[in-house]
Protein backbone atom coordinates (compact mmCIF):
# COMPACT_ATOMS: atom_id res chain seq x y z
CA MET A 1 -11.42 -9.18 14.43
CA GLN A 2 -12.70 -6.16 12.61
CA LEU A 3 -13.32 -2.61 13.82
CA ASP A 4 -15.72 -0.44 11.84
CA TRP A 5 -14.21 3.03 12.06
CA VAL A 6 -16.30 5.82 10.54
CA VAL A 7 -14.43 8.41 8.49
CA ASP A 8 -15.21 12.12 8.30
CA TYR A 9 -13.17 13.38 5.35
CA SER A 10 -13.88 17.03 6.13
CA GLN A 11 -11.88 16.70 9.36
CA ASN A 12 -9.60 13.79 8.42
CA LYS A 13 -11.21 12.10 11.44
CA LEU A 14 -11.85 8.47 12.30
CA THR A 15 -14.40 7.53 14.97
CA LEU A 16 -15.04 4.16 16.57
CA GLU A 17 -18.04 3.74 18.89
CA LEU A 18 -18.36 0.71 21.18
CA ASP A 19 -21.31 1.17 23.56
CA ASN A 20 -20.33 4.04 25.87
CA ILE A 21 -16.73 4.11 24.59
CA VAL A 22 -15.70 6.39 21.74
CA TYR A 23 -12.31 6.56 20.08
CA GLN A 24 -11.34 9.49 17.83
CA THR A 25 -8.19 10.17 15.85
CA PHE A 26 -7.27 12.91 13.40
CA ASP A 27 -3.99 11.40 12.21
CA GLY A 28 -4.78 7.86 11.14
CA GLY A 29 -4.41 6.42 14.63
CA GLN A 30 -1.03 7.72 15.67
CA ASN A 31 -2.79 9.60 18.47
CA ILE A 32 -6.16 8.20 19.53
CA ASP A 33 -8.33 9.97 22.10
CA LYS A 34 -10.57 7.73 24.21
CA TYR A 35 -13.84 8.98 25.71
CA ILE A 36 -16.01 7.20 28.28
CA ASP A 37 -19.59 8.45 28.58
CA GLY A 38 -18.55 11.56 26.68
CA GLU A 39 -15.68 12.42 29.05
CA PHE A 40 -12.07 12.37 27.89
CA ASP A 41 -10.23 9.42 29.40
CA LYS A 42 -6.78 9.25 27.81
CA ARG A 43 -4.72 9.57 24.65
CA ILE A 44 -3.39 6.34 23.18
CA ARG A 45 -0.18 6.87 21.23
CA GLN A 46 1.70 4.92 18.61
CA TYR A 47 4.92 6.76 19.45
CA PRO A 48 4.57 7.64 23.15
CA TYR A 49 8.21 8.75 23.46
CA LYS A 50 7.59 11.61 21.00
CA PRO A 51 6.08 15.02 21.90
CA TYR A 52 2.38 14.89 22.82
CA ASP A 53 0.97 16.07 19.46
CA TRP A 54 3.76 14.67 17.29
CA VAL A 55 2.74 12.98 14.04
CA GLN A 56 4.95 10.88 11.78
CA PRO A 57 4.44 12.22 8.23
CA HIS A 58 3.66 9.85 5.39
CA MET A 59 6.27 7.15 4.83
CA GLU A 60 5.85 4.00 2.74
CA LYS A 61 7.41 2.10 5.65
CA PRO A 62 6.85 4.06 8.89
CA PRO A 63 9.42 3.70 11.68
CA SER A 64 9.10 0.84 14.13
CA ALA A 65 6.65 1.44 16.98
CA GLU A 66 7.71 -1.08 19.61
CA PHE A 67 6.05 0.97 22.38
CA ASP A 68 2.71 1.31 20.55
CA GLU A 69 0.01 1.77 23.23
CA TRP A 70 -2.80 0.71 20.87
CA CYS A 71 -1.76 -2.96 21.11
CA ARG A 72 -2.74 -3.18 24.77
CA GLU A 73 -5.91 -1.16 24.18
CA LEU A 74 -6.91 -3.49 21.35
CA ASP A 75 -6.47 -6.48 23.66
CA TRP A 76 -8.88 -4.76 26.08
CA ILE A 77 -11.40 -4.07 23.30
CA ILE A 78 -11.38 -7.70 22.17
CA GLU A 79 -11.87 -8.91 25.74
CA THR A 80 -14.57 -6.34 26.59
CA PHE A 81 -16.51 -6.41 23.32
CA PRO A 82 -16.49 -10.02 22.04
CA HIS A 83 -18.65 -9.12 19.03
CA VAL A 84 -15.64 -7.48 17.33
CA GLY A 85 -14.11 -10.94 17.00
CA GLU A 86 -10.81 -12.49 17.93
CA ARG A 87 -7.32 -11.95 16.59
CA HIS A 88 -6.44 -14.37 13.81
CA PRO A 89 -2.69 -14.03 13.06
CA VAL A 90 -2.88 -16.34 10.05
CA LEU A 91 -0.44 -16.64 7.17
CA THR A 92 -3.09 -17.10 4.46
CA TYR A 93 -5.16 -14.20 3.09
CA LYS A 94 -7.82 -13.67 0.45
CA GLU A 95 -7.19 -10.94 -2.11
CA GLN A 96 -9.76 -8.75 -3.89
CA ASP A 97 -9.84 -11.05 -6.92
CA GLY A 98 -10.55 -14.06 -4.71
CA SER A 99 -7.07 -15.51 -4.96
CA ILE A 100 -5.22 -16.75 -1.89
CA THR A 101 -1.84 -15.41 -0.81
CA ASN A 102 0.47 -17.16 1.63
CA THR A 103 2.79 -14.98 3.69
CA GLN A 104 5.73 -15.56 6.01
CA ASN A 105 4.37 -13.17 8.64
CA PRO A 106 0.84 -12.04 9.59
CA ARG A 107 -0.42 -8.90 7.89
CA GLY A 108 -1.27 -6.09 10.30
CA GLN A 109 -3.54 -7.51 13.00
CA GLY A 110 -4.14 -10.72 11.02
CA ALA A 111 -7.43 -11.71 9.38
CA ASN A 112 -10.92 -10.38 10.08
CA ASN A 113 -12.21 -13.95 10.48
CA LEU A 114 -11.30 -17.48 9.45
CA THR A 115 -13.93 -17.58 6.69
CA ASP A 116 -13.26 -14.37 4.76
CA LEU A 117 -9.51 -14.26 5.55
CA ILE A 118 -9.40 -10.53 4.75
CA SER A 119 -6.37 -8.86 6.32
CA VAL A 120 -6.93 -6.06 8.82
CA ASN A 121 -4.49 -3.25 9.50
CA ARG A 122 -3.21 -1.87 12.79
CA LEU A 123 -6.56 -0.21 13.57
CA GLY A 124 -8.56 -3.30 12.65
CA GLN A 125 -9.76 -1.88 9.31
CA PRO A 126 -10.21 -4.62 6.69
CA ALA A 127 -8.38 -4.48 3.37
CA SER A 128 -11.77 -4.61 1.62
CA VAL A 129 -12.43 -1.12 3.01
CA GLN A 130 -8.93 0.33 2.77
CA GLU A 131 -8.44 -0.96 -0.77
CA ARG A 132 -11.97 -0.07 -1.92
CA TRP A 133 -13.00 -3.52 -3.08
CA ASP A 134 -16.48 -2.14 -3.83
CA TRP A 135 -15.08 0.25 -6.42
CA ASP A 136 -13.66 -0.08 -9.94
CA PHE A 137 -10.51 1.89 -10.69
CA ILE A 138 -11.04 3.69 -14.00
CA ALA A 139 -8.21 6.26 -14.24
CA THR A 140 -4.96 7.24 -12.53
CA THR A 141 -2.01 9.62 -12.60
CA ASP A 142 0.28 6.66 -11.70
CA CYS A 143 2.21 8.78 -9.18
CA PHE A 144 2.33 12.23 -7.53
CA GLU A 145 4.95 13.52 -9.96
CA HIS A 146 2.61 13.02 -12.93
CA ILE A 147 -0.08 15.30 -11.55
CA SER A 148 -0.38 18.38 -13.77
CA ASN A 149 1.59 21.32 -12.38
CA THR A 150 -1.32 23.67 -13.06
CA MET A 151 -3.46 21.79 -10.53
CA HIS A 152 -0.96 22.31 -7.73
CA ASP A 153 -2.08 25.94 -7.54
CA LYS A 154 -5.79 25.17 -7.98
CA ASP A 155 -6.23 22.19 -5.63
CA PRO A 156 -5.41 23.01 -1.97
CA HIS A 157 -5.33 19.33 -1.01
CA ILE A 158 -3.04 18.11 -3.77
CA ASN A 159 0.00 17.57 -1.52
CA LYS A 160 -2.00 15.01 0.48
CA ALA A 161 -2.10 12.71 -2.57
CA GLN A 162 1.43 11.46 -1.98
CA ALA A 163 0.93 8.40 -4.21
CA GLY A 164 -0.91 10.28 -6.94
CA LEU A 165 -4.60 10.37 -7.83
CA SER A 166 -7.10 7.73 -8.92
CA TRP A 167 -10.64 7.89 -10.26
CA VAL A 168 -13.00 5.17 -9.03
CA ARG A 169 -16.59 4.10 -9.74
CA ASN A 170 -18.75 2.45 -7.09
CA LYS A 171 -19.86 -0.97 -8.34
CA ARG A 172 -23.32 -0.64 -6.78
CA THR A 173 -24.26 3.03 -7.11
CA GLY A 174 -22.16 4.13 -10.09
CA VAL A 175 -20.88 7.17 -8.15
CA ILE A 176 -17.50 8.39 -9.42
CA GLU A 177 -14.88 9.91 -7.12
CA ARG A 178 -11.41 11.39 -7.48
CA ILE A 179 -9.30 10.02 -4.61
CA GLY A 180 -5.75 9.81 -3.38
CA SER A 181 -4.18 6.64 -4.75
CA SER A 182 -3.73 3.88 -2.15
CA GLN A 183 -5.92 5.90 0.24
CA ASN A 184 -9.43 5.47 1.61
CA CYS A 185 -9.40 6.01 5.36
CA PRO A 186 -6.54 7.72 7.19
CA CYS A 187 -4.05 5.24 8.66
CA HIS A 188 -0.56 5.35 10.17
CA VAL A 189 0.97 5.11 6.65
CA PHE A 190 -1.25 7.94 5.32
CA PRO A 191 -2.03 10.01 8.45
CA GLU A 192 -3.58 12.75 6.32
CA ILE A 193 -5.36 11.85 3.09
CA TYR A 194 -6.70 13.54 0.01
CA PRO A 195 -10.47 14.01 0.60
CA PRO A 196 -12.55 12.24 -2.08
CA VAL A 197 -14.30 14.48 -4.62
CA GLU A 198 -17.43 13.29 -6.43
CA ILE A 199 -17.20 13.76 -10.20
CA HIS A 200 -20.19 13.93 -12.55
CA PRO A 201 -19.85 11.39 -15.38
CA ASP A 202 -20.10 14.19 -17.97
CA ASP A 203 -17.06 15.88 -16.36
CA LEU A 204 -14.92 12.77 -15.95
CA TYR A 205 -12.81 13.05 -19.11
CA GLU A 206 -12.02 16.72 -18.49
CA ASP A 207 -11.20 16.09 -14.83
CA VAL A 208 -8.82 13.23 -15.59
CA THR A 209 -7.15 15.26 -18.35
CA ASN A 210 -6.78 18.40 -16.22
CA TYR A 211 -4.96 16.45 -13.50
CA GLY A 212 -2.64 14.71 -15.97
CA GLY A 213 -4.23 11.30 -15.54
CA HIS A 214 -5.06 8.57 -18.02
CA PHE A 215 -7.80 5.96 -18.25
CA ILE A 216 -7.07 2.37 -17.25
CA GLU A 217 -7.58 -0.24 -19.94
CA PRO A 218 -10.46 -2.61 -19.06
């Protein structure tokens, strides 16, 4: 099973369209609004016992969500739209480098399929997307604390990069971006993310230096 959410970084929004059904979330899926034929149907909540617009801030290990309403909705999606695939709660997963990892428990929602064995998270987003397998990591600040203090006043989004900053180069296009480390699309671990910034190759060294980063050895 794999769901192809589309991200709009300008609004920190994820959108999933399945025929006449549209899902939208602005907090990585903690609160998901469902629309049918353009009309609001309901809000699907990860923490339904919390206030209506409540959002759990970033935590490396978010609190347990035993009443998560998305689980039942995902069952309905899989039954209604067979093309998204089935759940595969396997214990074997393929990593970015092609190696195989065996686990004691399924990762997230399991694997996208039994051929690729790429893990998918709570929203059905594959690790290949969330971990940017199509990009090379070329520089990093290692952590948030190493970001240059001078940039905290100049960059209004800096506090969204809770794990620091990374610089990545697309393997196909060569485009370079400054991103929040461990972030690509918003998710329940990173409900609000640092919006990627495209960097011209001629400006890369200065950009990395200004933010207190360093280049990664090949």
